[in-house]
């Protein structure tokens, strides 16, 4: 399975996609955590620029500045709708670095689930895997993914599904096969 199998998705490997003949600058959205505008859907015929490593902790704001210099729209991933993120840098308050893989997976999940952005965030596989998982604290309807003692998110075990069961009743199977109860104290 590769990106060529994604229906309606085209990979444009360019440092300046807004200068490509097939792309209008008005149809470009530069993804950056500094944007005030949350990304709420994936629009057809729109090019999304993933900043990748340029917004790493030692170069904050590079994507926002570049978008502003070219007059491009910006958007941020509304992660706060389903989780809080801790920084990998001790003492930092800037939030965690989100990997390019997580961004691409989240864009595909938003495309599938919009307008239910929290579900899209929950169904993004990278948020359930190390190393990113250890910097997360799930909130709202997905708080059941946190360890009861508050040390961080649970480790998905065998049989874990990214699709929550119907009816809101959720259970969690730990790595050793034990059943854990949901927030109501019930178990499967």
Protein backbone atom coordinates (compact mmCIF):
# COMPACT_ATOMS: atom_id res chain seq x y z
CA UNK A 1 0.00 0.00 0.00
CA UNK A 2 1.53 3.32 -1.01
CA UNK A 3 0.50 6.91 -1.62
CA UNK A 4 -0.22 6.05 -5.28
CA UNK A 5 -3.22 4.06 -4.00
CA UNK A 6 -4.79 7.09 -2.31
CA UNK A 7 -7.78 8.13 -4.38
CA UNK A 8 -7.81 11.84 -5.16
CA UNK A 9 -4.33 12.42 -3.68
CA UNK A 10 -1.40 13.65 -5.71
CA UNK A 11 2.12 13.95 -4.32
CA UNK A 12 3.81 17.16 -5.38
CA UNK A 13 7.49 17.05 -4.41
CA UNK A 14 8.33 20.73 -4.53
CA UNK A 15 9.77 23.37 -2.23
CA UNK A 16 7.42 25.94 -3.78
CA UNK A 17 4.21 24.16 -4.88
CA UNK A 18 2.40 27.52 -5.24
CA UNK A 19 4.69 28.29 -8.19
CA UNK A 20 3.78 25.07 -10.04
CA UNK A 21 1.63 25.68 -13.15
CA UNK A 22 -1.08 23.27 -11.98
CA UNK A 23 -1.44 24.92 -8.54
CA UNK A 24 -3.04 28.31 -7.83
CA UNK A 25 -1.64 30.12 -4.79
CA UNK A 26 -5.23 30.67 -3.61
CA UNK A 27 -5.61 26.87 -3.40
CA UNK A 28 -2.59 26.36 -1.12
CA UNK A 29 -2.85 25.88 2.65
CA UNK A 30 0.41 25.93 4.58
CA UNK A 31 0.13 23.78 7.73
CA UNK A 32 1.81 25.41 10.71
CA UNK A 33 1.20 25.22 14.45
CA UNK A 34 1.33 29.04 14.71
CA UNK A 35 -1.79 29.52 12.56
CA UNK A 36 -4.91 30.87 14.26
CA UNK A 37 -7.09 28.96 11.78
CA UNK A 38 -7.86 25.30 12.66
CA UNK A 39 -8.00 22.76 9.85
CA UNK A 40 -11.57 21.41 9.90
CA UNK A 41 -11.77 19.62 6.54
CA UNK A 42 -9.73 18.58 3.56
CA UNK A 43 -10.96 20.51 0.54
CA UNK A 44 -10.78 19.11 -2.99
CA UNK A 45 -8.31 20.78 -5.37
CA UNK A 46 -6.36 22.23 -2.46
CA UNK A 47 -2.64 21.73 -1.95
CA UNK A 48 -1.57 21.24 1.67
CA UNK A 49 2.05 22.08 2.47
CA UNK A 50 3.49 20.02 5.31
CA UNK A 51 6.32 21.94 6.95
CA UNK A 52 7.96 18.80 8.25
CA UNK A 53 11.20 19.42 10.06
CA UNK A 54 11.43 23.18 9.41
CA UNK A 55 9.31 23.99 12.47
CA UNK A 56 11.52 21.92 14.74
CA UNK A 57 12.20 23.40 18.18
CA UNK A 58 15.34 25.24 17.03
CA UNK A 59 13.53 26.98 14.12
CA UNK A 60 10.05 27.96 15.36
CA UNK A 61 7.82 29.94 13.03
CA UNK A 62 9.65 29.14 9.79
CA UNK A 63 6.51 27.76 8.10
CA UNK A 64 4.33 30.68 9.25
CA UNK A 65 6.86 33.24 8.05
CA UNK A 66 7.26 31.51 4.70
CA UNK A 67 3.50 31.32 4.17
CA UNK A 68 3.11 35.00 5.07
CA UNK A 69 5.93 36.00 2.71
CA UNK A 70 4.10 34.31 -0.18
CA UNK A 71 0.59 35.40 0.82
CA UNK A 72 -0.59 31.84 1.46
CA UNK A 73 -3.41 30.69 3.71
CA UNK A 74 -2.38 28.81 6.84
CA UNK A 75 -4.04 26.27 9.11
CA UNK A 76 -3.07 24.32 12.20
CA UNK A 77 -4.01 20.80 13.19
CA UNK A 78 -6.70 21.15 15.92
CA UNK A 79 -5.16 18.49 18.16
CA UNK A 80 -6.59 20.14 21.27
CA UNK A 81 -10.01 18.71 20.33
CA UNK A 82 -8.92 15.23 21.47
CA UNK A 83 -5.57 15.44 23.23
CA UNK A 84 -2.94 17.51 24.99
CA UNK A 85 0.68 17.14 24.00
CA UNK A 86 3.80 17.51 26.11
CA UNK A 87 7.07 18.74 24.67
CA UNK A 88 10.04 16.44 24.19
CA UNK A 89 12.24 19.33 25.32
CA UNK A 90 12.39 19.64 29.13
CA UNK A 91 11.02 22.99 30.30
CA UNK A 92 9.52 23.85 26.92
CA UNK A 93 5.94 25.09 26.67
CA UNK A 94 5.78 24.99 22.87
CA UNK A 95 4.17 21.57 22.61
CA UNK A 96 5.42 18.36 21.08
CA UNK A 97 6.86 17.93 17.65
CA UNK A 98 4.43 16.05 15.42
CA UNK A 99 6.10 13.76 12.92
CA UNK A 100 5.48 14.15 9.20
CA UNK A 101 4.00 10.63 9.22
CA UNK A 102 1.50 11.64 11.90
CA UNK A 103 0.53 14.75 9.91
CA UNK A 104 -0.07 12.77 6.71
CA UNK A 105 -2.05 10.10 8.59
CA UNK A 106 -4.13 12.78 10.30
CA UNK A 107 -4.84 14.55 7.00
CA UNK A 108 -6.14 11.28 5.55
CA UNK A 109 -8.24 10.65 8.68
CA UNK A 110 -9.68 14.20 8.55
CA UNK A 111 -10.54 13.65 4.90
CA UNK A 112 -12.40 10.48 5.90
CA UNK A 113 -14.13 11.67 9.09
CA UNK A 114 -14.72 15.45 8.77
CA UNK A 115 -16.43 17.13 10.50
CA UNK A 116 -15.68 14.69 13.38
CA UNK A 117 -12.12 15.90 13.93
CA UNK A 118 -11.70 14.23 17.38
CA UNK A 119 -12.48 10.85 15.79
CA UNK A 120 -9.97 11.59 13.01
CA UNK A 121 -7.32 12.38 15.63
CA UNK A 122 -8.15 9.20 17.57
CA UNK A 123 -7.94 7.06 14.42
CA UNK A 124 -4.50 8.40 13.46
CA UNK A 125 -2.20 5.40 14.04
CA UNK A 126 0.90 7.47 14.81
CA UNK A 127 -0.74 8.83 17.98
CA UNK A 128 -0.96 5.27 19.33
CA UNK A 129 2.68 4.34 18.68
CA UNK A 130 5.95 5.18 20.36
CA UNK A 131 7.62 7.60 20.48
CA UNK A 132 4.77 10.09 19.89
CA UNK A 133 2.29 8.22 22.11
CA UNK A 134 4.27 8.93 25.28
CA UNK A 135 3.84 12.71 24.85
CA UNK A 136 0.02 12.55 24.67
CA UNK A 137 -2.80 12.89 27.14
CA UNK A 138 -6.18 12.02 25.64
CA UNK A 139 -9.12 14.30 26.54
CA UNK A 140 -12.90 14.30 26.20
CA UNK A 141 -14.48 11.16 24.77
CA UNK A 142 -11.03 9.59 24.34
CA UNK A 143 -9.84 10.01 27.96
CA UNK A 144 -10.38 6.24 28.37
CA UNK A 145 -7.08 5.84 26.50
CA UNK A 146 -5.15 7.26 29.49
CA UNK A 147 -3.76 5.12 32.28
CA UNK A 148 -5.90 5.34 35.46
CA UNK A 149 -2.93 6.66 37.48
CA UNK A 150 -2.43 9.56 35.05
CA UNK A 151 1.09 8.51 33.99
CA UNK A 152 0.18 8.82 30.34
CA UNK A 153 -1.69 6.98 27.63
CA UNK A 154 -2.31 3.27 27.77
CA UNK A 155 -0.32 1.02 25.51
CA UNK A 156 -2.66 -0.53 22.97
CA UNK A 157 -2.43 -4.28 23.28
CA UNK A 158 -3.46 -7.25 21.22
CA UNK A 159 -6.95 -6.81 19.83
CA UNK A 160 -6.90 -3.00 20.17
CA UNK A 161 -8.96 -1.35 17.48
CA UNK A 162 -8.79 2.27 16.39
CA UNK A 163 -12.54 2.15 15.85
CA UNK A 164 -14.46 2.86 19.08
CA UNK A 165 -17.33 0.43 19.73
CA UNK A 166 -20.86 1.64 18.99
CA UNK A 167 -22.85 3.04 21.88
CA UNK A 168 -19.92 4.76 23.55
CA UNK A 169 -18.97 1.74 25.70
CA UNK A 170 -15.25 1.31 25.42
CA UNK A 171 -12.89 -1.22 26.90
CA UNK A 172 -9.20 -1.66 26.65
CA UNK A 173 -7.17 -4.82 26.31
CA UNK A 174 -3.68 -4.53 27.78
CA UNK A 175 -0.66 -6.11 26.14
CA UNK A 176 -0.92 -9.18 28.37
CA UNK A 177 -4.49 -9.87 27.32
CA UNK A 178 -6.15 -8.66 30.54
CA UNK A 179 -9.38 -6.76 30.13
CA UNK A 180 -9.49 -3.29 31.66
CA UNK A 181 -12.76 -1.61 32.44
CA UNK A 182 -14.01 1.56 30.83
CA UNK A 183 -14.58 4.83 32.69
CA UNK A 184 -17.86 3.50 34.17
CA UNK A 185 -16.16 0.55 35.88
CA UNK A 186 -17.74 -1.93 33.48
CA UNK A 187 -15.70 -4.52 31.65
CA UNK A 188 -16.24 -6.70 28.63
